[in-house]
Each structure stands twice: as C-alpha cells, then as structure tokens.
Amino acid sequence: MERDETQTMTVLRDSCFIRLLPLLLVAPLLSSCSRAPSIEVLGSFFPAWLVCFLAAIVVTVLVRLALLRLRVKAALPLLVYPSLTALFTFLLWLLFFY
C-alpha cells in the first residue's frame, strides 16, 4: 500500500513538473534587459560593477588593515577576503546603482 502511495505521489509530482516546464523555459525570454549602468572614465565607458569591484578591493584592504591592527586573525584568509570583496561589491552596486 505504501508503495502505491509513493508511486502516485511521484507521478503527481512529475506531472506538475511537466506542466510547469514550458513556463520555466519561456520565463527568461519574457524578461527584458535594461541598459546596463556604465560610468565614463576618460572617454571610455566601464560597467558599474567593475567600478564597484575596484572600490570593494580597496575597502577589503582597509578592513584587513583594521583587523591586523586589532590583532584579529582570519581563520581561512583565502575564503574570508574574497568573500568580503564580493560582499562589498554587491553592497556598493546596490547602494549606488540599484
């Protein structure tokens, strides 16, 4: 009896997925893209995320210097500092361009 219920639930789940599959495939085509924000630097246009990335590197270096001054050691520096850079990149982009 449990096997029949499990099989029935699997069939229902699969049929629901099959009904939603066309919607999931068409959804990216229906979304539109706006013009990407860009910044002019000496006559050349750079994507805003690149400017945010460069600023985030500077902020991460400042955070690292502050942590060194406070004698706080990062457990996994190869994971911590790139993660901080990504975090600051996303925060700066959201703050200035969203």
PDB file of N, CA and C in Angstrom:
ATOM      1  N   MET A   1       0.822  -1.194   0.000  1.00  0.00           N
ATOM      2  CA  MET A   1       0.000   0.000   0.000  1.00  0.00           C
ATOM      3  C   MET A   1       0.870   1.264   0.000  1.00  0.00           C
ATOM      4  N   GLU A   2       1.926   1.268   0.790  1.00  0.00           N
ATOM      5  CA  GLU A   2       2.799   2.436   0.822  1.00  0.00           C
ATOM      6  C   GLU A   2       3.479   2.645  -0.520  1.00  0.00           C
ATOM      7  N   ARG A   3       3.769   1.556  -1.183  1.00  0.00           N
ATOM      8  CA  ARG A   3       4.420   1.661  -2.480  1.00  0.00           C
ATOM      9  C   ARG A   3       3.504   2.348  -3.497  1.00  0.00           C
ATOM     10  N   ASP A   4       2.212   2.031  -3.446  1.00  0.00           N
ATOM     11  CA  ASP A   4       1.262   2.665  -4.359  1.00  0.00           C
ATOM     12  C   ASP A   4       1.154   4.156  -4.089  1.00  0.00           C
ATOM     13  N   GLU A   5       1.154   4.539  -2.809  1.00  0.00           N
ATOM     14  CA  GLU A   5       1.065   5.958  -2.463  1.00  0.00           C
ATOM     15  C   GLU A   5       2.317   6.695  -2.910  1.00  0.00           C
ATOM     16  N   THR A   6       3.456   6.067  -2.711  1.00  0.00           N
ATOM     17  CA  THR A   6       4.709   6.690  -3.133  1.00  0.00           C
ATOM     18  C   THR A   6       4.749   6.835  -4.648  1.00  0.00           C
ATOM     19  N   GLN A   7       4.311   5.818  -5.341  1.00  0.00           N
ATOM     20  CA  GLN A   7       4.293   5.866  -6.797  1.00  0.00           C
ATOM     21  C   GLN A   7       3.311   6.930  -7.295  1.00  0.00           C
ATOM     22  N   THR A   8       2.149   7.023  -6.638  1.00  0.00           N
ATOM     23  CA  THR A   8       1.159   8.032  -7.004  1.00  0.00           C
ATOM     24  C   THR A   8       1.710   9.434  -6.775  1.00  0.00           C
ATOM     25  N   MET A   9       2.394   9.636  -5.630  1.00  0.00           N
ATOM     26  CA  MET A   9       2.966  10.947  -5.329  1.00  0.00           C
ATOM     27  C   MET A   9       4.043  11.307  -6.348  1.00  0.00           C
ATOM     28  N   THR A  10       4.840  10.328  -6.772  1.00  0.00           N
ATOM     29  CA  THR A  10       5.877  10.582  -7.767  1.00  0.00           C
ATOM     30  C   THR A  10       5.260  10.965  -9.103  1.00  0.00           C
ATOM     31  N   VAL A  11       4.210  10.275  -9.498  1.00  0.00           N
ATOM     32  CA  VAL A  11       3.535  10.587 -10.761  1.00  0.00           C
ATOM     33  C   VAL A  11       2.933  11.983 -10.709  1.00  0.00           C
ATOM     34  N   LEU A  12       2.311  12.344  -9.581  1.00  0.00           N
ATOM     35  CA  LEU A  12       1.717  13.674  -9.453  1.00  0.00           C
ATOM     36  C   LEU A  12       2.794  14.753  -9.482  1.00  0.00           C
ATOM     37  N   ARG A  13       3.885  14.495  -8.792  1.00  0.00           N
ATOM     38  CA  ARG A  13       4.970  15.475  -8.772  1.00  0.00           C
ATOM     39  C   ARG A  13       5.552  15.644 -10.166  1.00  0.00           C
ATOM     40  N   ASP A  14       5.774  14.548 -10.868  1.00  0.00           N
ATOM     41  CA  ASP A  14       6.326  14.612 -12.214  1.00  0.00           C
ATOM     42  C   ASP A  14       5.368  15.308 -13.180  1.00  0.00           C
ATOM     43  N   SER A  15       4.072  15.048 -13.055  1.00  0.00           N
ATOM     44  CA  SER A  15       3.115  15.694 -13.952  1.00  0.00           C
ATOM     45  C   SER A  15       3.038  17.192 -13.674  1.00  0.00           C
ATOM     46  N   CYS A  16       3.172  17.591 -12.416  1.00  0.00           N
ATOM     47  CA  CYS A  16       3.195  19.017 -12.071  1.00  0.00           C
ATOM     48  C   CYS A  16       4.437  19.675 -12.670  1.00  0.00           C
ATOM     49  N   PHE A  17       5.549  18.979 -12.585  1.00  0.00           N
ATOM     50  CA  PHE A  17       6.789  19.500 -13.159  1.00  0.00           C
ATOM     51  C   PHE A  17       6.671  19.631 -14.668  1.00  0.00           C
ATOM     52  N   ILE A  18       6.076  18.641 -15.298  1.00  0.00           N
ATOM     53  CA  ILE A  18       5.926  18.668 -16.756  1.00  0.00           C
ATOM     54  C   ILE A  18       5.021  19.816 -17.182  1.00  0.00           C
ATOM     55  N   ARG A  19       3.991  20.115 -16.382  1.00  0.00           N
ATOM     56  CA  ARG A  19       3.112  21.243 -16.725  1.00  0.00           C
ATOM     57  C   ARG A  19       3.821  22.573 -16.550  1.00  0.00           C
ATOM     58  N   LEU A  20       4.728  22.674 -15.571  1.00  0.00           N
ATOM     59  CA  LEU A  20       5.428  23.934 -15.323  1.00  0.00           C
ATOM     60  C   LEU A  20       6.674  24.109 -16.183  1.00  0.00           C
ATOM     61  N   LEU A  21       7.133  23.048 -16.812  1.00  0.00           N
ATOM     62  CA  LEU A  21       8.358  23.120 -17.604  1.00  0.00           C
ATOM     63  C   LEU A  21       8.292  24.165 -18.723  1.00  0.00           C
ATOM     64  N   PRO A  22       7.230  24.230 -19.523  1.00  0.00           N
ATOM     65  CA  PRO A  22       7.196  25.275 -20.562  1.00  0.00           C
ATOM     66  C   PRO A  22       7.261  26.693 -19.976  1.00  0.00           C
ATOM     67  N   LEU A  23       6.600  26.901 -18.864  1.00  0.00           N
ATOM     68  CA  LEU A  23       6.648  28.215 -18.224  1.00  0.00           C
ATOM     69  C   LEU A  23       8.060  28.545 -17.775  1.00  0.00           C
ATOM     70  N   LEU A  24       8.755  27.565 -17.217  1.00  0.00           N
ATOM     71  CA  LEU A  24      10.120  27.790 -16.766  1.00  0.00           C
ATOM     72  C   LEU A  24      11.068  28.045 -17.931  1.00  0.00           C
ATOM     73  N   LEU A  25      10.802  27.445 -19.068  1.00  0.00           N
ATOM     74  CA  LEU A  25      11.659  27.652 -20.225  1.00  0.00           C
ATOM     75  C   LEU A  25      11.394  28.977 -20.922  1.00  0.00           C
ATOM     76  N   VAL A  26      10.147  29.469 -20.871  1.00  0.00           N
ATOM     77  CA  VAL A  26       9.789  30.701 -21.561  1.00  0.00           C
ATOM     78  C   VAL A  26      10.060  31.934 -20.693  1.00  0.00           C
ATOM     79  N   ALA A  27      10.059  31.792 -19.395  1.00  0.00           N
ATOM     80  CA  ALA A  27      10.203  32.934 -18.492  1.00  0.00           C
ATOM     81  C   ALA A  27      11.456  33.770 -18.763  1.00  0.00           C
ATOM     82  N   PRO A  28      12.636  33.178 -18.979  1.00  0.00           N
ATOM     83  CA  PRO A  28      13.803  34.016 -19.270  1.00  0.00           C
ATOM     84  C   PRO A  28      13.661  34.813 -20.567  1.00  0.00           C
ATOM     85  N   LEU A  29      12.920  34.285 -21.524  1.00  0.00           N
ATOM     86  CA  LEU A  29      12.738  35.001 -22.783  1.00  0.00           C
ATOM     87  C   LEU A  29      11.801  36.201 -22.635  1.00  0.00           C
ATOM     88  N   LEU A  30      10.917  36.152 -21.655  1.00  0.00           N
ATOM     89  CA  LEU A  30       9.964  37.242 -21.458  1.00  0.00           C
ATOM     90  C   LEU A  30      10.544  38.394 -20.640  1.00  0.00           C
ATOM     91  N   SER A  31      11.597  38.142 -19.917  1.00  0.00           N
ATOM     92  CA  SER A  31      12.194  39.214 -19.123  1.00  0.00           C
ATOM     93  C   SER A  31      13.027  40.094 -20.040  1.00  0.00           C
ATOM     94  N   SER A  32      12.967  41.365 -19.800  1.00  0.00           N
ATOM     95  CA  SER A  32      13.712  42.280 -20.657  1.00  0.00           C
ATOM     96  C   SER A  32      14.906  42.831 -19.907  1.00  0.00           C
ATOM     97  N   CYS A  33      15.862  43.244 -20.655  1.00  0.00           N
ATOM     98  CA  CYS A  33      17.069  43.814 -20.059  1.00  0.00           C
ATOM     99  C   CYS A  33      17.066  45.318 -20.312  1.00  0.00           C
ATOM    100  N   SER A  34      17.368  46.049 -19.294  1.00  0.00           N
ATOM    101  CA  SER A  34      17.517  47.483 -19.488  1.00  0.00           C
ATOM    102  C   SER A  34      18.987  47.760 -19.806  1.00  0.00           C
ATOM    103  N   ARG A  35      19.260  48.943 -20.144  1.00  0.00           N
ATOM    104  CA  ARG A  35      20.648  49.306 -20.445  1.00  0.00           C
ATOM    105  C   ARG A  35      21.474  49.200 -19.174  1.00  0.00           C
ATOM    106  N   ALA A  36      22.604  48.553 -19.273  1.00  0.00           N
ATOM    107  CA  ALA A  36      23.466  48.353 -18.106  1.00  0.00           C
ATOM    108  C   ALA A  36      24.056  49.691 -17.690  1.00  0.00           C
ATOM    109  N   PRO A  37      24.081  49.955 -16.382  1.00  0.00           N
ATOM    110  CA  PRO A  37      24.677  51.209 -15.931  1.00  0.00           C
ATOM    111  C   PRO A  37      26.174  51.218 -16.223  1.00  0.00           C
ATOM    112  N   SER A  38      26.640  52.330 -16.766  1.00  0.00           N
ATOM    113  CA  SER A  38      28.059  52.445 -17.070  1.00  0.00           C
ATOM    114  C   SER A  38      28.551  53.814 -16.628  1.00  0.00           C
ATOM    115  N   ILE A  39      29.853  53.874 -16.417  1.00  0.00           N
ATOM    116  CA  ILE A  39      30.487  55.099 -15.933  1.00  0.00           C
ATOM    117  C   ILE A  39      31.550  55.519 -16.941  1.00  0.00           C
ATOM    118  N   GLU A  40      31.578  56.789 -17.267  1.00  0.00           N
ATOM    119  CA  GLU A  40      32.572  57.282 -18.201  1.00  0.00           C
ATOM    120  C   GLU A  40      33.836  57.663 -17.443  1.00  0.00           C
ATOM    121  N   VAL A  41      34.945  57.080 -17.866  1.00  0.00           N
ATOM    122  CA  VAL A  41      36.254  57.411 -17.282  1.00  0.00           C
ATOM    123  C   VAL A  41      37.194  57.745 -18.433  1.00  0.00           C
ATOM    124  N   LEU A  42      37.586  58.994 -18.545  1.00  0.00           N
ATOM    125  CA  LEU A  42      38.475  59.477 -19.594  1.00  0.00           C
ATOM    126  C   LEU A  42      38.000  59.085 -20.986  1.00  0.00           C
ATOM    127  N   GLY A  43      36.710  59.215 -21.229  1.00  0.00           N
ATOM    128  CA  GLY A  43      36.146  58.950 -22.534  1.00  0.00           C
ATOM    129  C   GLY A  43      35.769  57.504 -22.798  1.00  0.00           C
ATOM    130  N   SER A  44      36.114  56.604 -21.905  1.00  0.00           N
ATOM    131  CA  SER A  44      35.751  55.191 -22.068  1.00  0.00           C
ATOM    132  C   SER A  44      34.672  54.840 -21.067  1.00  0.00           C
ATOM    133  N   PHE A  45      33.743  54.005 -21.494  1.00  0.00           N
ATOM    134  CA  PHE A  45      32.663  53.594 -20.618  1.00  0.00           C
ATOM    135  C   PHE A  45      32.997  52.250 -19.967  1.00  0.00           C
ATOM    136  N   PHE A  46      32.891  52.208 -18.659  1.00  0.00           N
ATOM    137  CA  PHE A  46      33.143  50.991 -17.902  1.00  0.00           C
ATOM    138  C   PHE A  46      31.849  50.560 -17.225  1.00  0.00           C
ATOM    139  N   PRO A  47      31.631  49.246 -17.108  1.00  0.00           N
ATOM    140  CA  PRO A  47      30.432  48.793 -16.404  1.00  0.00           C
ATOM    141  C   PRO A  47      30.498  49.199 -14.933  1.00  0.00           C
ATOM    142  N   ALA A  48      29.343  49.484 -14.385  1.00  0.00           N
ATOM    143  CA  ALA A  48      29.283  49.943 -12.993  1.00  0.00           C
ATOM    144  C   ALA A  48      29.800  48.886 -12.029  1.00  0.00           C
ATOM    145  N   TRP A  49      29.556  47.605 -12.348  1.00  0.00           N
ATOM    146  CA  TRP A  49      30.012  46.569 -11.429  1.00  0.00           C
ATOM    147  C   TRP A  49      31.532  46.535 -11.339  1.00  0.00           C
ATOM    148  N   LEU A  50      32.215  46.905 -12.418  1.00  0.00           N
ATOM    149  CA  LEU A  50      33.675  46.907 -12.400  1.00  0.00           C
ATOM    150  C   LEU A  50      34.199  48.004 -11.475  1.00  0.00           C
ATOM    151  N   VAL A  51      33.568  49.154 -11.511  1.00  0.00           N
ATOM    152  CA  VAL A  51      33.947  50.247 -10.613  1.00  0.00           C
ATOM    153  C   VAL A  51      33.671  49.841  -9.166  1.00  0.00           C
ATOM    154  N   CYS A  52      32.527  49.194  -8.935  1.00  0.00           N
ATOM    155  CA  CYS A  52      32.200  48.722  -7.584  1.00  0.00           C
ATOM    156  C   CYS A  52      33.191  47.673  -7.118  1.00  0.00           C
ATOM    157  N   PHE A  53      33.644  46.816  -8.033  1.00  0.00           N
ATOM    158  CA  PHE A  53      34.615  45.781  -7.695  1.00  0.00           C
ATOM    159  C   PHE A  53      35.947  46.397  -7.270  1.00  0.00           C
ATOM    160  N   LEU A  54      36.392  47.393  -8.012  1.00  0.00           N
ATOM    161  CA  LEU A  54      37.652  48.056  -7.657  1.00  0.00           C
ATOM    162  C   LEU A  54      37.544  48.777  -6.313  1.00  0.00           C
ATOM    163  N   ALA A  55      36.418  49.425  -6.075  1.00  0.00           N
ATOM    164  CA  ALA A  55      36.209  50.085  -4.783  1.00  0.00           C
ATOM    165  C   ALA A  55      36.128  49.055  -3.660  1.00  0.00           C
ATOM    166  N   ALA A  56      35.529  47.902  -3.933  1.00  0.00           N
ATOM    167  CA  ALA A  56      35.410  46.851  -2.917  1.00  0.00           C
ATOM    168  C   ALA A  56      36.773  46.280  -2.556  1.00  0.00           C
ATOM    169  N   ILE A  57      37.676  46.202  -3.517  1.00  0.00           N
ATOM    170  CA  ILE A  57      39.033  45.736  -3.205  1.00  0.00           C
ATOM    171  C   ILE A  57      39.703  46.704  -2.241  1.00  0.00           C
ATOM    172  N   VAL A  58      39.543  47.991  -2.490  1.00  0.00           N
ATOM    173  CA  VAL A  58      40.125  48.999  -1.596  1.00  0.00           C
ATOM    174  C   VAL A  58      39.518  48.888  -0.199  1.00  0.00           C
ATOM    175  N   VAL A  59      38.199  48.733  -0.122  1.00  0.00           N
ATOM    176  CA  VAL A  59      37.530  48.602   1.183  1.00  0.00           C
ATOM    177  C   VAL A  59      37.984  47.330   1.894  1.00  0.00           C
ATOM    178  N   THR A  60      38.167  46.239   1.158  1.00  0.00           N
ATOM    179  CA  THR A  60      38.632  44.989   1.769  1.00  0.00           C
ATOM    180  C   THR A  60      40.044  45.137   2.314  1.00  0.00           C
ATOM    181  N   VAL A  61      40.890  45.834   1.596  1.00  0.00           N
ATOM    182  CA  VAL A  61      42.254  46.075   2.087  1.00  0.00           C
ATOM    183  C   VAL A  61      42.202  46.900   3.372  1.00  0.00           C
ATOM    184  N   LEU A  62      41.333  47.902   3.413  1.00  0.00           N
ATOM    185  CA  LEU A  62      41.198  48.708   4.628  1.00  0.00           C
ATOM    186  C   LEU A  62      40.679  47.872   5.799  1.00  0.00           C
ATOM    187  N   VAL A  63      39.730  46.978   5.527  1.00  0.00           N
ATOM    188  CA  VAL A  63      39.220  46.089   6.577  1.00  0.00           C
ATOM    189  C   VAL A  63      40.323  45.161   7.062  1.00  0.00           C
ATOM    190  N   ARG A  64      41.137  44.654   6.134  1.00  0.00           N
ATOM    191  CA  ARG A  64      42.235  43.770   6.521  1.00  0.00           C
ATOM    192  C   ARG A  64      43.243  44.506   7.393  1.00  0.00           C
ATOM    193  N   LEU A  65      43.566  45.744   7.017  1.00  0.00           N
ATOM    194  CA  LEU A  65      44.491  46.528   7.838  1.00  0.00           C
ATOM    195  C   LEU A  65      43.915  46.801   9.227  1.00  0.00           C
ATOM    196  N   ALA A  66      42.610  47.068   9.296  1.00  0.00           N
ATOM    197  CA  ALA A  66      41.965  47.288  10.592  1.00  0.00           C
ATOM    198  C   ALA A  66      41.996  46.010  11.436  1.00  0.00           C
ATOM    199  N   LEU A  67      41.760  44.870  10.804  1.00  0.00           N
ATOM    200  CA  LEU A  67      41.811  43.606  11.545  1.00  0.00           C
ATOM    201  C   LEU A  67      43.225  43.285  12.015  1.00  0.00           C
ATOM    202  N   LEU A  68      44.217  43.580  11.191  1.00  0.00           N
ATOM    203  CA  LEU A  68      45.608  43.369  11.606  1.00  0.00           C
ATOM    204  C   LEU A  68      45.974  44.280  12.770  1.00  0.00           C
ATOM    205  N   ARG A  69      45.497  45.506  12.710  1.00  0.00           N
ATOM    206  CA  ARG A  69      45.792  46.458  13.789  1.00  0.00           C
ATOM    207  C   ARG A  69      45.150  46.020  15.107  1.00  0.00           C
ATOM    208  N   LEU A  70      43.951  45.424  14.995  1.00  0.00           N
ATOM    209  CA  LEU A  70      43.262  44.919  16.190  1.00  0.00           C
ATOM    210  C   LEU A  70      43.741  43.518  16.594  1.00  0.00           C
ATOM    211  N   ARG A  71      44.705  42.984  15.842  1.00  0.00           N
ATOM    212  CA  ARG A  71      45.267  41.655  16.081  1.00  0.00           C
ATOM    213  C   ARG A  71      44.212  40.547  16.009  1.00  0.00           C
ATOM    214  N   VAL A  72      43.308  40.691  15.047  1.00  0.00           N
ATOM    215  CA  VAL A  72      42.302  39.659  14.788  1.00  0.00           C
ATOM    216  C   VAL A  72      42.795  38.858  13.592  1.00  0.00           C
ATOM    217  N   LYS A  73      42.887  37.544  13.788  1.00  0.00           N
ATOM    218  CA  LYS A  73      43.377  36.685  12.726  1.00  0.00           C
ATOM    219  C   LYS A  73      42.212  35.992  12.043  1.00  0.00           C
ATOM    220  N   ALA A  74      42.194  36.020  10.728  1.00  0.00           N
ATOM    221  CA  ALA A  74      41.147  35.326   9.966  1.00  0.00           C
ATOM    222  C   ALA A  74      41.480  33.834   9.948  1.00  0.00           C
ATOM    223  N   ALA A  75      40.467  33.013  10.201  1.00  0.00           N
ATOM    224  CA  ALA A  75      40.683  31.565  10.250  1.00  0.00           C
ATOM    225  C   ALA A  75      41.057  31.024   8.874  1.00  0.00           C
ATOM    226  N   LEU A  76      40.341  31.431   7.854  1.00  0.00           N
ATOM    227  CA  LEU A  76      40.605  30.989   6.478  1.00  0.00           C
ATOM    228  C   LEU A  76      40.733  32.212   5.577  1.00  0.00           C
ATOM    229  N   PRO A  77      41.915  32.835   5.551  1.00  0.00           N
ATOM    230  CA  PRO A  77      42.044  34.081   4.788  1.00  0.00           C
ATOM    231  C   PRO A  77      41.763  33.918   3.296  1.00  0.00           C
ATOM    232  N   LEU A  78      42.020  32.729   2.741  1.00  0.00           N
ATOM    233  CA  LEU A  78      41.730  32.516   1.323  1.00  0.00           C
ATOM    234  C   LEU A  78      40.241  32.495   1.042  1.00  0.00           C
ATOM    235  N   LEU A  79      39.437  32.317   2.057  1.00  0.00           N
ATOM    236  CA  LEU A  79      37.987  32.337   1.907  1.00  0.00           C
ATOM    237  C   LEU A  79      37.390  33.654   2.395  1.00  0.00           C
ATOM    238  N   VAL A  80      37.957  34.201   3.451  1.00  0.00           N
ATOM    239  CA  VAL A  80      37.393  35.398   4.088  1.00  0.00           C
ATOM    240  C   VAL A  80      37.520  36.634   3.206  1.00  0.00           C
ATOM    241  N   TYR A  81      38.712  36.904   2.696  1.00  0.00           N
ATOM    242  CA  TYR A  81      38.917  38.160   1.980  1.00  0.00           C
ATOM    243  C   TYR A  81      38.243  38.202   0.603  1.00  0.00           C
ATOM    244  N   PRO A  82      38.255  37.129  -0.185  1.00  0.00           N
ATOM    245  CA  PRO A  82      37.445  37.176  -1.415  1.00  0.00           C
ATOM    246  C   PRO A  82      35.952  37.299  -1.126  1.00  0.00           C
ATOM    247  N   SER A  83      35.497  36.679  -0.032  1.00  0.00           N
ATOM    248  CA  SER A  83      34.083  36.800   0.336  1.00  0.00           C
ATOM    249  C   SER A  83      33.755  38.233   0.739  1.00  0.00           C
ATOM    250  N   LEU A  84      34.644  38.852   1.480  1.00  0.00           N
ATOM    251  CA  LEU A  84      34.432  40.258   1.848  1.00  0.00           C
ATOM    252  C   LEU A  84      34.422  41.145   0.600  1.00  0.00           C
ATOM    253  N   THR A  85      35.306  40.861  -0.348  1.00  0.00           N
ATOM    254  CA  THR A  85      35.336  41.642  -1.584  1.00  0.00           C
ATOM    255  C   THR A  85      34.021  41.495  -2.346  1.00  0.00           C
ATOM    256  N   ALA A  86      33.518  40.278  -2.440  1.00  0.00           N
ATOM    257  CA  ALA A  86      32.232  40.060  -3.120  1.00  0.00           C
ATOM    258  C   ALA A  86      31.113  40.780  -2.379  1.00  0.00           C
ATOM    259  N   LEU A  87      31.095  40.671  -1.057  1.00  0.00           N
ATOM    260  CA  LEU A  87      30.064  41.333  -0.260  1.00  0.00           C
ATOM    261  C   LEU A  87      30.085  42.839  -0.482  1.00  0.00           C
ATOM    262  N   PHE A  88      31.274  43.435  -0.422  1.00  0.00           N
ATOM    263  CA  PHE A  88      31.371  44.877  -0.613  1.00  0.00           C
ATOM    264  C   PHE A  88      31.015  45.277  -2.045  1.00  0.00           C
ATOM    265  N   THR A  89      31.359  44.443  -3.021  1.00  0.00           N
ATOM    266  CA  THR A  89      30.995  44.733  -4.413  1.00  0.00           C
ATOM    267  C   THR A  89      29.487  44.800  -4.564  1.00  0.00           C
ATOM    268  N   PHE A  90      28.797  43.795  -4.045  1.00  0.00           N
ATOM    269  CA  PHE A  90      27.340  43.763  -4.163  1.00  0.00           C
ATOM    270  C   PHE A  90      26.690  44.911  -3.396  1.00  0.00           C
ATOM    271  N   LEU A  91      27.198  45.195  -2.209  1.00  0.00           N
ATOM    272  CA  LEU A  91      26.623  46.288  -1.411  1.00  0.00           C
ATOM    273  C   LEU A  91      26.816  47.636  -2.091  1.00  0.00           C
ATOM    274  N   LEU A  92      28.005  47.869  -2.637  1.00  0.00           N
ATOM    275  CA  LEU A  92      28.241  49.138  -3.322  1.00  0.00           C
ATOM    276  C   LEU A  92      27.370  49.279  -4.555  1.00  0.00           C
ATOM    277  N   TRP A  93      27.224  48.181  -5.315  1.00  0.00           N
ATOM    278  CA  TRP A  93      26.380  48.252  -6.503  1.00  0.00           C
ATOM    279  C   TRP A  93      24.929  48.532  -6.117  1.00  0.00           C
ATOM    280  N   LEU A  94      24.459  47.855  -5.073  1.00  0.00           N
ATOM    281  CA  LEU A  94      23.084  48.094  -4.635  1.00  0.00           C
ATOM    282  C   LEU A  94      22.901  49.514  -4.111  1.00  0.00           C
ATOM    283  N   LEU A  95      23.901  50.009  -3.427  1.00  0.00           N
ATOM    284  CA  LEU A  95      23.810  51.342  -2.828  1.00  0.00           C
ATOM    285  C   LEU A  95      23.807  52.434  -3.885  1.00  0.00           C
ATOM    286  N   PHE A  96      24.645  52.304  -4.907  1.00  0.00           N
ATOM    287  CA  PHE A  96      24.802  53.393  -5.863  1.00  0.00           C
ATOM    288  C   PHE A  96      24.053  53.226  -7.192  1.00  0.00           C
ATOM    289  N   PHE A  97      23.746  51.990  -7.595  1.00  0.00           N
ATOM    290  CA  PHE A  97      23.224  51.796  -8.943  1.00  0.00           C
ATOM    291  C   PHE A  97      21.876  51.095  -9.003  1.00  0.00           C
ATOM    292  N   TYR A  98      21.319  50.682  -7.925  1.00  0.00           N
ATOM    293  CA  TYR A  98      20.052  49.977  -7.995  1.00  0.00           C
ATOM    294  C   TYR A  98      18.901  50.900  -7.742  1.00  0.00           C
TER     295      TYR A  98
END
